[in-house]
Amino acid sequence: MHFPRLPDWLIYAAVVVALLLAAVGRQERADAPPAPPPTPEAEGAALGPASPFDPAVVVEVSDKTEAGAGTAFSIASSGVWITARHVVEGCSQAAIVVAPGRGVAATVRIDPSAETAILTTDGGAAPLPLGLGQRLRRGERAFHIGFPQGKPGEASSRLLGRENLVVQGRGARTEPVLVWAETGRTDGLKGTLGGLSGAPALDAQGRVVGVTIAEAPRRGRIYTTSPETTARTLAASGRRLADNPGAPITADNYGRVADDLRRNLRVAQVVCLTA
């Protein structure tokens, strides 16, 4: 039996196809691996250092001092507290409220370059743990515990990033701050968070990462000092305090944690009296 003779062109075509297939099969593959899954919000990108190119928020500070109230928290059991500068600046007398109608006189030391102030009293409460050396991440939670509208209350937030606080008027300066998006507050608390100024901003481990200093109600924003600024305030006052572990705080238990901190006077109301 004889097979028909194939045409020469068909044989050459088969050889060329075989060579092409062999060449393609030997090519290097350098495809990128599949993209990782989206990063959870609480584990966002690390927050970079403060920069003069960060967005700015401008506030006008009046030269007139008015009586008022804010929040302070303990940083040393000997009677050392920290609060927001504008709460006590220009006061003829400041006091830490220890019971209804009762207060303990406090000596005020203003940080000239920041929105913070150190208070000292005769005796104090157990200090809050500090977390000023940790690296913050966008999206992580903070809990602001104090006395909004002069009453016990708290708020929760998530970190958005950095801005520069430009203060005009008394104490004119520019300082880096952190900006947070409000995510919750005490049930029934409506309107302004005024009175929460000076409150600690606590992370999920219960450590202080900043001092609450302002809000933008229409935007739902809360502003705090940056950890670096707060650390410098403590260092300048001679309070070189190490970072310490704290107790976990969650969106479910921060109301109870806040009540405990106020009950033990680790977070207290501060009042400013004028002549």
C-alpha atoms as a PDB file:
ATOM      1  CA  MET A   1       0.000   0.000   0.000  1.00  0.00           C
ATOM      2  CA  HIS A   2       1.427   3.388  -0.958  1.00  0.00           C
ATOM      3  CA  PHE A   3       0.564   6.714   0.719  1.00  0.00           C
ATOM      4  CA  PRO A   4       0.358   9.689  -1.586  1.00  0.00           C
ATOM      5  CA  ARG A   5       3.430  11.918  -1.557  1.00  0.00           C
ATOM      6  CA  LEU A   6       2.812  15.163   0.319  1.00  0.00           C
ATOM      7  CA  PRO A   7       3.622  18.404  -1.439  1.00  0.00           C
ATOM      8  CA  ASP A   8       6.905  20.024  -0.444  1.00  0.00           C
ATOM      9  CA  TRP A   9       5.162  23.289   0.597  1.00  0.00           C
ATOM     10  CA  LEU A  10       2.998  21.425   3.108  1.00  0.00           C
ATOM     11  CA  ILE A  11       6.043  19.816   4.716  1.00  0.00           C
ATOM     12  CA  TYR A  12       7.825  23.185   4.943  1.00  0.00           C
ATOM     13  CA  ALA A  13       4.724  24.806   6.494  1.00  0.00           C
ATOM     14  CA  ALA A  14       4.506  22.082   9.138  1.00  0.00           C
ATOM     15  CA  VAL A  15       8.167  22.558  10.028  1.00  0.00           C
ATOM     16  CA  VAL A  16       7.727  26.344  10.354  1.00  0.00           C
ATOM     17  CA  VAL A  17       4.666  25.926  12.600  1.00  0.00           C
ATOM     18  CA  ALA A  18       6.546  23.453  14.821  1.00  0.00           C
ATOM     19  CA  LEU A  19       9.491  25.879  15.161  1.00  0.00           C
ATOM     20  CA  LEU A  20       7.149  28.746  16.049  1.00  0.00           C
ATOM     21  CA  LEU A  21       5.403  26.692  18.705  1.00  0.00           C
ATOM     22  CA  ALA A  22       8.735  25.687  20.215  1.00  0.00           C
ATOM     23  CA  ALA A  23       9.939  29.305  20.273  1.00  0.00           C
ATOM     24  CA  VAL A  24       6.778  30.588  21.898  1.00  0.00           C
ATOM     25  CA  GLY A  25       6.895  27.856  24.511  1.00  0.00           C
ATOM     26  CA  ARG A  26      10.420  28.899  25.549  1.00  0.00           C
ATOM     27  CA  GLN A  27       9.520  32.597  26.087  1.00  0.00           C
ATOM     28  CA  GLU A  28       9.948  33.922  29.650  1.00  0.00           C
ATOM     29  CA  ARG A  29       6.721  34.669  31.539  1.00  0.00           C
ATOM     30  CA  ALA A  30       6.974  37.628  33.918  1.00  0.00           C
ATOM     31  CA  ASP A  31       3.340  38.327  34.703  1.00  0.00           C
ATOM     32  CA  ALA A  32       2.643  40.233  37.915  1.00  0.00           C
ATOM     33  CA  PRO A  33       0.965  38.246  40.715  1.00  0.00           C
ATOM     34  CA  PRO A  34      -2.730  38.880  41.412  1.00  0.00           C
ATOM     35  CA  ALA A  35      -3.479  42.097  43.303  1.00  0.00           C
ATOM     36  CA  PRO A  36      -3.841  41.660  47.092  1.00  0.00           C
ATOM     37  CA  PRO A  37      -7.311  41.967  48.607  1.00  0.00           C
ATOM     38  CA  PRO A  38      -8.376  45.470  49.703  1.00  0.00           C
ATOM     39  CA  THR A  39      -6.825  46.577  52.994  1.00  0.00           C
ATOM     40  CA  PRO A  40      -9.322  46.773  55.866  1.00  0.00           C
ATOM     41  CA  GLU A  41     -10.032  50.373  56.905  1.00  0.00           C
ATOM     42  CA  ALA A  42      -8.553  49.892  60.369  1.00  0.00           C
ATOM     43  CA  GLU A  43      -5.304  48.694  58.830  1.00  0.00           C
ATOM     44  CA  GLY A  44      -4.839  51.543  56.338  1.00  0.00           C
ATOM     45  CA  ALA A  45      -1.677  53.229  55.184  1.00  0.00           C
ATOM     46  CA  ALA A  46       0.676  54.470  57.863  1.00  0.00           C
ATOM     47  CA  LEU A  47       0.381  58.189  58.560  1.00  0.00           C
ATOM     48  CA  GLY A  48       3.372  60.108  57.253  1.00  0.00           C
ATOM     49  CA  PRO A  49       5.257  62.855  59.121  1.00  0.00           C
ATOM     50  CA  ALA A  50       3.872  66.371  59.457  1.00  0.00           C
ATOM     51  CA  SER A  51       4.497  68.613  56.464  1.00  0.00           C
ATOM     52  CA  PRO A  52       4.031  72.339  55.739  1.00  0.00           C
ATOM     53  CA  PHE A  53       2.198  71.199  52.591  1.00  0.00           C
ATOM     54  CA  ASP A  54      -0.589  69.513  54.582  1.00  0.00           C
ATOM     55  CA  PRO A  55      -4.028  71.163  54.222  1.00  0.00           C
ATOM     56  CA  ALA A  56      -4.624  74.063  56.611  1.00  0.00           C
ATOM     57  CA  VAL A  57      -7.517  74.933  58.918  1.00  0.00           C
ATOM     58  CA  VAL A  58      -7.636  78.528  60.177  1.00  0.00           C
ATOM     59  CA  VAL A  59      -9.071  79.585  63.543  1.00  0.00           C
ATOM     60  CA  GLU A  60      -9.420  83.073  65.023  1.00  0.00           C
ATOM     61  CA  VAL A  61      -8.722  83.412  68.751  1.00  0.00           C
ATOM     62  CA  SER A  62     -10.162  86.407  70.580  1.00  0.00           C
ATOM     63  CA  ASP A  63      -8.064  88.387  73.044  1.00  0.00           C
ATOM     64  CA  LYS A  64     -10.993  88.363  75.461  1.00  0.00           C
ATOM     65  CA  THR A  65     -10.987  85.629  78.110  1.00  0.00           C
ATOM     66  CA  GLU A  66     -14.329  84.202  79.135  1.00  0.00           C
ATOM     67  CA  ALA A  67     -15.276  81.864  81.947  1.00  0.00           C
ATOM     68  CA  GLY A  68     -15.876  78.375  80.684  1.00  0.00           C
ATOM     69  CA  ALA A  69     -15.224  74.692  81.131  1.00  0.00           C
ATOM     70  CA  GLY A  70     -13.429  71.903  79.337  1.00  0.00           C
ATOM     71  CA  THR A  71     -11.804  68.560  80.028  1.00  0.00           C
ATOM     72  CA  ALA A  72      -8.441  67.520  81.488  1.00  0.00           C
ATOM     73  CA  PHE A  73      -6.836  64.139  82.093  1.00  0.00           C
ATOM     74  CA  SER A  74      -4.210  62.888  84.506  1.00  0.00           C
ATOM     75  CA  ILE A  75      -0.653  62.190  83.356  1.00  0.00           C
ATOM     76  CA  ALA A  76       0.896  61.770  86.836  1.00  0.00           C
ATOM     77  CA  SER A  77      -0.629  60.653  90.133  1.00  0.00           C
ATOM     78  CA  SER A  78       1.203  63.467  91.935  1.00  0.00           C
ATOM     79  CA  GLY A  79      -1.307  65.898  90.423  1.00  0.00           C
ATOM     80  CA  VAL A  80      -0.291  66.671  86.832  1.00  0.00           C
ATOM     81  CA  TRP A  81      -2.913  67.088  84.115  1.00  0.00           C
ATOM     82  CA  ILE A  82      -3.048  68.104  80.490  1.00  0.00           C
ATOM     83  CA  THR A  83      -5.788  70.037  78.720  1.00  0.00           C
ATOM     84  CA  ALA A  84      -6.354  72.209  75.648  1.00  0.00           C
ATOM     85  CA  ARG A  85      -4.665  75.587  75.750  1.00  0.00           C
ATOM     86  CA  HIS A  86      -7.730  77.672  74.915  1.00  0.00           C
ATOM     87  CA  VAL A  87      -9.663  76.166  77.851  1.00  0.00           C
ATOM     88  CA  VAL A  88      -7.420  77.815  80.470  1.00  0.00           C
ATOM     89  CA  GLU A  89      -5.483  80.551  78.676  1.00  0.00           C
ATOM     90  CA  GLY A  90      -5.986  83.897  80.403  1.00  0.00           C
ATOM     91  CA  CYS A  91      -7.871  82.448  83.388  1.00  0.00           C
ATOM     92  CA  SER A  92      -7.477  84.224  86.698  1.00  0.00           C
ATOM     93  CA  GLN A  93      -7.991  80.818  88.312  1.00  0.00           C
ATOM     94  CA  ALA A  94      -8.361  77.314  86.939  1.00  0.00           C
ATOM     95  CA  ALA A  95      -9.666  74.346  88.894  1.00  0.00           C
ATOM     96  CA  ILE A  96     -10.145  70.608  88.488  1.00  0.00           C
ATOM     97  CA  VAL A  97     -13.691  69.606  89.459  1.00  0.00           C
ATOM     98  CA  VAL A  98     -13.580  66.670  91.889  1.00  0.00           C
ATOM     99  CA  ALA A  99     -17.261  66.584  92.948  1.00  0.00           C
ATOM    100  CA  PRO A 100     -20.414  68.594  92.245  1.00  0.00           C
ATOM    101  CA  GLY A 101     -19.700  72.148  93.405  1.00  0.00           C
ATOM    102  CA  ARG A 102     -16.152  71.280  94.534  1.00  0.00           C
ATOM    103  CA  GLY A 103     -12.881  71.956  92.768  1.00  0.00           C
ATOM    104  CA  VAL A 104      -9.145  71.852  93.414  1.00  0.00           C
ATOM    105  CA  ALA A 105      -7.111  74.895  92.391  1.00  0.00           C
ATOM    106  CA  ALA A 106      -4.746  74.250  89.493  1.00  0.00           C
ATOM    107  CA  THR A 107      -1.594  76.060  88.423  1.00  0.00           C
ATOM    108  CA  VAL A 108      -1.507  76.603  84.644  1.00  0.00           C
ATOM    109  CA  ARG A 109       1.526  76.334  82.366  1.00  0.00           C
ATOM    110  CA  ILE A 110       0.776  77.179  78.725  1.00  0.00           C
ATOM    111  CA  ASP A 111       2.822  75.616  75.935  1.00  0.00           C
ATOM    112  CA  PRO A 112       3.658  78.701  73.816  1.00  0.00           C
ATOM    113  CA  SER A 113       4.002  76.696  70.603  1.00  0.00           C
ATOM    114  CA  ALA A 114       1.068  74.313  70.871  1.00  0.00           C
ATOM    115  CA  GLU A 115      -2.637  74.037  71.707  1.00  0.00           C
ATOM    116  CA  THR A 116      -1.892  72.348  75.044  1.00  0.00           C
ATOM    117  CA  ALA A 117      -1.457  73.337  78.684  1.00  0.00           C
ATOM    118  CA  ILE A 118      -0.158  71.549  81.766  1.00  0.00           C
ATOM    119  CA  LEU A 119      -2.075  71.834  85.057  1.00  0.00           C
ATOM    120  CA  THR A 120      -0.696  70.967  88.484  1.00  0.00           C
ATOM    121  CA  THR A 121      -2.724  70.344  91.645  1.00  0.00           C
ATOM    122  CA  ASP A 122      -2.107  69.157  95.187  1.00  0.00           C
ATOM    123  CA  GLY A 123      -2.684  65.449  94.692  1.00  0.00           C
ATOM    124  CA  GLY A 124      -4.107  63.714  91.667  1.00  0.00           C
ATOM    125  CA  ALA A 125      -5.446  60.551  90.095  1.00  0.00           C
ATOM    126  CA  ALA A 126      -3.889  57.550  88.404  1.00  0.00           C
ATOM    127  CA  PRO A 127      -2.403  58.605  85.049  1.00  0.00           C
ATOM    128  CA  LEU A 128      -3.714  57.487  81.687  1.00  0.00           C
ATOM    129  CA  PRO A 129      -1.308  55.322  79.679  1.00  0.00           C
ATOM    130  CA  LEU A 130       0.436  57.061  76.804  1.00  0.00           C
ATOM    131  CA  GLY A 131       0.856  55.847  73.230  1.00  0.00           C
ATOM    132  CA  LEU A 132       2.671  58.851  71.779  1.00  0.00           C
ATOM    133  CA  GLY A 133       5.474  56.857  70.167  1.00  0.00           C
ATOM    134  CA  GLN A 134       3.374  54.517  68.058  1.00  0.00           C
ATOM    135  CA  ARG A 135       2.863  54.824  64.314  1.00  0.00           C
ATOM    136  CA  LEU A 136      -0.701  55.770  63.500  1.00  0.00           C
ATOM    137  CA  ARG A 137      -2.620  54.468  60.482  1.00  0.00           C
ATOM    138  CA  ARG A 138      -5.413  56.067  58.515  1.00  0.00           C
ATOM    139  CA  GLY A 139      -8.784  54.651  59.440  1.00  0.00           C
ATOM    140  CA  GLU A 140      -7.889  53.603  62.966  1.00  0.00           C
ATOM    141  CA  ARG A 141     -10.257  54.470  65.787  1.00  0.00           C
ATOM    142  CA  ALA A 142      -9.984  57.009  68.577  1.00  0.00           C
ATOM    143  CA  PHE A 143     -12.259  57.617  71.549  1.00  0.00           C
ATOM    144  CA  HIS A 144     -12.684  61.121  72.992  1.00  0.00           C
ATOM    145  CA  ILE A 145     -13.814  61.080  76.627  1.00  0.00           C
ATOM    146  CA  GLY A 146     -14.810  64.143  78.612  1.00  0.00           C
ATOM    147  CA  PHE A 147     -17.559  66.661  79.290  1.00  0.00           C
ATOM    148  CA  PRO A 148     -19.219  67.891  76.078  1.00  0.00           C
ATOM    149  CA  GLN A 149     -21.692  70.699  76.792  1.00  0.00           C
ATOM    150  CA  GLY A 150     -20.527  70.519  80.424  1.00  0.00           C
ATOM    151  CA  LYS A 151     -21.939  67.037  80.942  1.00  0.00           C
ATOM    152  CA  PRO A 152     -20.342  63.557  80.925  1.00  0.00           C
ATOM    153  CA  GLY A 153     -20.098  62.305  77.354  1.00  0.00           C
ATOM    154  CA  GLU A 154     -17.854  60.838  74.692  1.00  0.00           C
ATOM    155  CA  ALA A 155     -17.380  60.451  70.949  1.00  0.00           C
ATOM    156  CA  SER A 156     -15.660  57.996  68.627  1.00  0.00           C
ATOM    157  CA  SER A 157     -13.824  58.738  65.395  1.00  0.00           C
ATOM    158  CA  ARG A 158     -11.580  57.391  62.644  1.00  0.00           C
ATOM    159  CA  LEU A 159      -8.312  58.967  61.562  1.00  0.00           C
ATOM    160  CA  LEU A 160      -8.383  60.815  58.234  1.00  0.00           C
ATOM    161  CA  GLY A 161      -4.931  62.400  58.155  1.00  0.00           C
ATOM    162  CA  ARG A 162      -2.965  65.514  59.039  1.00  0.00           C
ATOM    163  CA  GLU A 163      -3.679  69.219  58.711  1.00  0.00           C
ATOM    164  CA  ASN A 164      -1.980  72.393  59.855  1.00  0.00           C
ATOM    165  CA  LEU A 165      -3.799  74.461  62.481  1.00  0.00           C
ATOM    166  CA  VAL A 166      -3.256  78.149  61.680  1.00  0.00           C
ATOM    167  CA  VAL A 167      -4.111  80.247  64.741  1.00  0.00           C
ATOM    168  CA  GLN A 168      -4.770  83.943  64.174  1.00  0.00           C
ATOM    169  CA  GLY A 169      -5.123  86.480  66.960  1.00  0.00           C
ATOM    170  CA  ARG A 170      -3.935  85.683  70.472  1.00  0.00           C
ATOM    171  CA  GLY A 171      -1.133  83.104  70.467  1.00  0.00           C
ATOM    172  CA  ALA A 172      -0.751  83.229  66.669  1.00  0.00           C
ATOM    173  CA  ARG A 173       1.108  80.159  65.403  1.00  0.00           C
ATOM    174  CA  THR A 174       0.913  77.186  63.059  1.00  0.00           C
ATOM    175  CA  GLU A 175       1.086  73.644  64.363  1.00  0.00           C
ATOM    176  CA  PRO A 176       0.414  70.190  62.901  1.00  0.00           C
ATOM    177  CA  VAL A 177      -2.770  68.463  64.058  1.00  0.00           C
ATOM    178  CA  LEU A 178      -4.625  65.248  63.336  1.00  0.00           C
ATOM    179  CA  VAL A 179      -8.088  65.303  61.788  1.00  0.00           C
ATOM    180  CA  TRP A 180     -10.645  62.589  62.586  1.00  0.00           C
ATOM    181  CA  ALA A 181     -14.101  61.793  61.195  1.00  0.00           C
ATOM    182  CA  GLU A 182     -16.703  61.478  63.928  1.00  0.00           C
ATOM    183  CA  THR A 183     -18.312  58.017  63.860  1.00  0.00           C
ATOM    184  CA  GLY A 184     -20.408  58.023  67.040  1.00  0.00           C
ATOM    185  CA  ARG A 185     -21.206  59.788  70.286  1.00  0.00           C
ATOM    186  CA  THR A 186     -23.111  59.453  73.549  1.00  0.00           C
ATOM    187  CA  ASP A 187     -26.690  58.426  72.932  1.00  0.00           C
ATOM    188  CA  GLY A 188     -28.912  61.515  72.985  1.00  0.00           C
ATOM    189  CA  LEU A 189     -26.039  64.019  72.675  1.00  0.00           C
ATOM    190  CA  LYS A 190     -27.007  66.512  69.979  1.00  0.00           C
ATOM    191  CA  GLY A 191     -25.249  69.552  68.621  1.00  0.00           C
ATOM    192  CA  THR A 192     -21.818  70.817  69.578  1.00  0.00           C
ATOM    193  CA  LEU A 193     -19.096  68.851  71.332  1.00  0.00           C
ATOM    194  CA  GLY A 194     -17.969  72.049  73.074  1.00  0.00           C
ATOM    195  CA  GLY A 195     -16.586  71.162  76.503  1.00  0.00           C
ATOM    196  CA  LEU A 196     -14.784  68.132  75.082  1.00  0.00           C
ATOM    197  CA  SER A 197     -11.734  70.340  74.430  1.00  0.00           C
ATOM    198  CA  GLY A 198      -8.816  68.952  76.418  1.00  0.00           C
ATOM    199  CA  ALA A 199     -10.190  65.414  76.394  1.00  0.00           C
ATOM    200  CA  PRO A 200      -7.814  62.526  75.742  1.00  0.00           C
ATOM    201  CA  ALA A 201      -7.992  60.834  72.362  1.00  0.00           C
ATOM    202  CA  LEU A 202      -7.499  57.156  73.221  1.00  0.00           C
ATOM    203  CA  ASP A 203      -6.587  54.429  70.749  1.00  0.00           C
ATOM    204  CA  ALA A 204      -8.026  50.907  70.683  1.00  0.00           C
ATOM    205  CA  GLN A 205      -5.498  49.897  73.382  1.00  0.00           C
ATOM    206  CA  GLY A 206      -6.658  52.680  75.701  1.00  0.00           C
ATOM    207  CA  ARG A 207      -3.533  54.830  75.251  1.00  0.00           C
ATOM    208  CA  VAL A 208      -3.442  58.597  74.758  1.00  0.00           C
ATOM    209  CA  VAL A 209      -2.480  59.535  71.191  1.00  0.00           C
ATOM    210  CA  GLY A 210      -3.479  63.199  71.341  1.00  0.00           C
ATOM    211  CA  VAL A 211      -5.466  65.948  73.033  1.00  0.00           C
ATOM    212  CA  THR A 212      -8.878  66.898  71.629  1.00  0.00           C
ATOM    213  CA  ILE A 213      -8.767  70.595  70.730  1.00  0.00           C
ATOM    214  CA  ALA A 214     -11.536  71.491  68.251  1.00  0.00           C
ATOM    215  CA  GLU A 215     -14.410  70.324  66.076  1.00  0.00           C
ATOM    216  CA  ALA A 216     -15.947  71.233  62.726  1.00  0.00           C
ATOM    217  CA  PRO A 217     -19.610  70.272  63.298  1.00  0.00           C
ATOM    218  CA  ARG A 218     -20.810  70.758  59.727  1.00  0.00           C
ATOM    219  CA  ARG A 219     -18.058  68.524  58.380  1.00  0.00           C
ATOM    220  CA  GLY A 220     -18.268  66.006  61.212  1.00  0.00           C
ATOM    221  CA  ARG A 221     -14.588  66.470  62.036  1.00  0.00           C
ATOM    222  CA  ILE A 222     -12.689  66.347  65.332  1.00  0.00           C
ATOM    223  CA  TYR A 223      -9.187  67.779  65.686  1.00  0.00           C
ATOM    224  CA  THR A 224      -6.493  66.628  68.099  1.00  0.00           C
ATOM    225  CA  THR A 225      -2.904  67.544  68.764  1.00  0.00           C
ATOM    226  CA  SER A 226      -0.394  65.315  67.035  1.00  0.00           C
ATOM    227  CA  PRO A 227       1.472  62.744  69.161  1.00  0.00           C
ATOM    228  CA  GLU A 228       4.781  64.509  68.466  1.00  0.00           C
ATOM    229  CA  THR A 229       3.419  67.843  69.692  1.00  0.00           C
ATOM    230  CA  THR A 230       2.025  66.308  72.875  1.00  0.00           C
ATOM    231  CA  ALA A 231       5.301  64.504  73.546  1.00  0.00           C
ATOM    232  CA  ARG A 232       7.221  67.784  73.184  1.00  0.00           C
ATOM    233  CA  THR A 233       4.835  69.522  75.594  1.00  0.00           C
ATOM    234  CA  LEU A 234       5.487  66.851  78.202  1.00  0.00           C
ATOM    235  CA  ALA A 235       9.242  66.956  77.631  1.00  0.00           C
ATOM    236  CA  ALA A 236       9.330  70.763  77.930  1.00  0.00           C
ATOM    237  CA  SER A 237       7.486  70.535  81.242  1.00  0.00           C
ATOM    238  CA  GLY A 238      10.043  68.032  82.553  1.00  0.00           C
ATOM    239  CA  ARG A 239       7.544  65.166  82.331  1.00  0.00           C
ATOM    240  CA  ARG A 240       9.403  62.483  80.431  1.00  0.00           C
ATOM    241  CA  LEU A 241       6.822  59.754  80.643  1.00  0.00           C
ATOM    242  CA  ALA A 242       7.243  56.398  78.939  1.00  0.00           C
ATOM    243  CA  ASP A 243       4.533  54.855  76.780  1.00  0.00           C
ATOM    244  CA  ASN A 244       2.522  52.306  78.737  1.00  0.00           C
ATOM    245  CA  PRO A 245       0.042  49.542  77.932  1.00  0.00           C
ATOM    246  CA  GLY A 246      -3.657  50.223  78.393  1.00  0.00           C
ATOM    247  CA  ALA A 247      -6.953  48.336  78.430  1.00  0.00           C
ATOM    248  CA  PRO A 248      -8.691  47.600  75.091  1.00  0.00           C
ATOM    249  CA  ILE A 249     -11.489  49.937  74.016  1.00  0.00           C
ATOM    250  CA  THR A 250     -14.055  49.100  71.346  1.00  0.00           C
ATOM    251  CA  ALA A 251     -17.068  50.751  69.756  1.00  0.00           C
ATOM    252  CA  ASP A 252     -19.202  48.557  72.039  1.00  0.00           C
ATOM    253  CA  ASN A 253     -17.600  49.307  75.408  1.00  0.00           C
ATOM    254  CA  TYR A 254     -16.223  52.856  75.169  1.00  0.00           C
ATOM    255  CA  GLY A 255     -19.204  54.313  77.032  1.00  0.00           C
ATOM    256  CA  ARG A 256     -18.527  52.069  80.037  1.00  0.00           C
ATOM    257  CA  VAL A 257     -14.783  52.738  79.873  1.00  0.00           C
ATOM    258  CA  ALA A 258     -15.490  56.478  79.777  1.00  0.00           C
ATOM    259  CA  ASP A 259     -17.720  56.264  82.863  1.00  0.00           C
ATOM    260  CA  ASP A 260     -14.978  54.432  84.783  1.00  0.00           C
ATOM    261  CA  LEU A 261     -12.324  57.001  83.825  1.00  0.00           C
ATOM    262  CA  ARG A 262     -14.508  59.912  84.931  1.00  0.00           C
ATOM    263  CA  ARG A 263     -15.592  58.146  88.121  1.00  0.00           C
ATOM    264  CA  ASN A 264     -11.925  57.614  89.076  1.00  0.00           C
ATOM    265  CA  LEU A 265     -11.114  61.245  88.133  1.00  0.00           C
ATOM    266  CA  ARG A 266      -8.539  60.099  85.600  1.00  0.00           C
ATOM    267  CA  VAL A 267     -10.574  62.270  83.224  1.00  0.00           C
ATOM    268  CA  ALA A 268     -12.029  65.340  84.929  1.00  0.00           C
ATOM    269  CA  GLN A 269     -13.769  68.574  84.160  1.00  0.00           C
ATOM    270  CA  VAL A 270     -11.664  71.737  84.311  1.00  0.00           C
ATOM    271  CA  VAL A 271     -13.191  75.184  84.835  1.00  0.00           C
ATOM    272  CA  CYS A 272     -11.770  78.585  83.984  1.00  0.00           C
ATOM    273  CA  LEU A 273     -12.663  81.473  86.292  1.00  0.00           C
ATOM    274  CA  THR A 274     -12.127  85.113  85.350  1.00  0.00           C
ATOM    275  CA  ALA A 275     -11.701  88.141  87.564  1.00  0.00           C
END
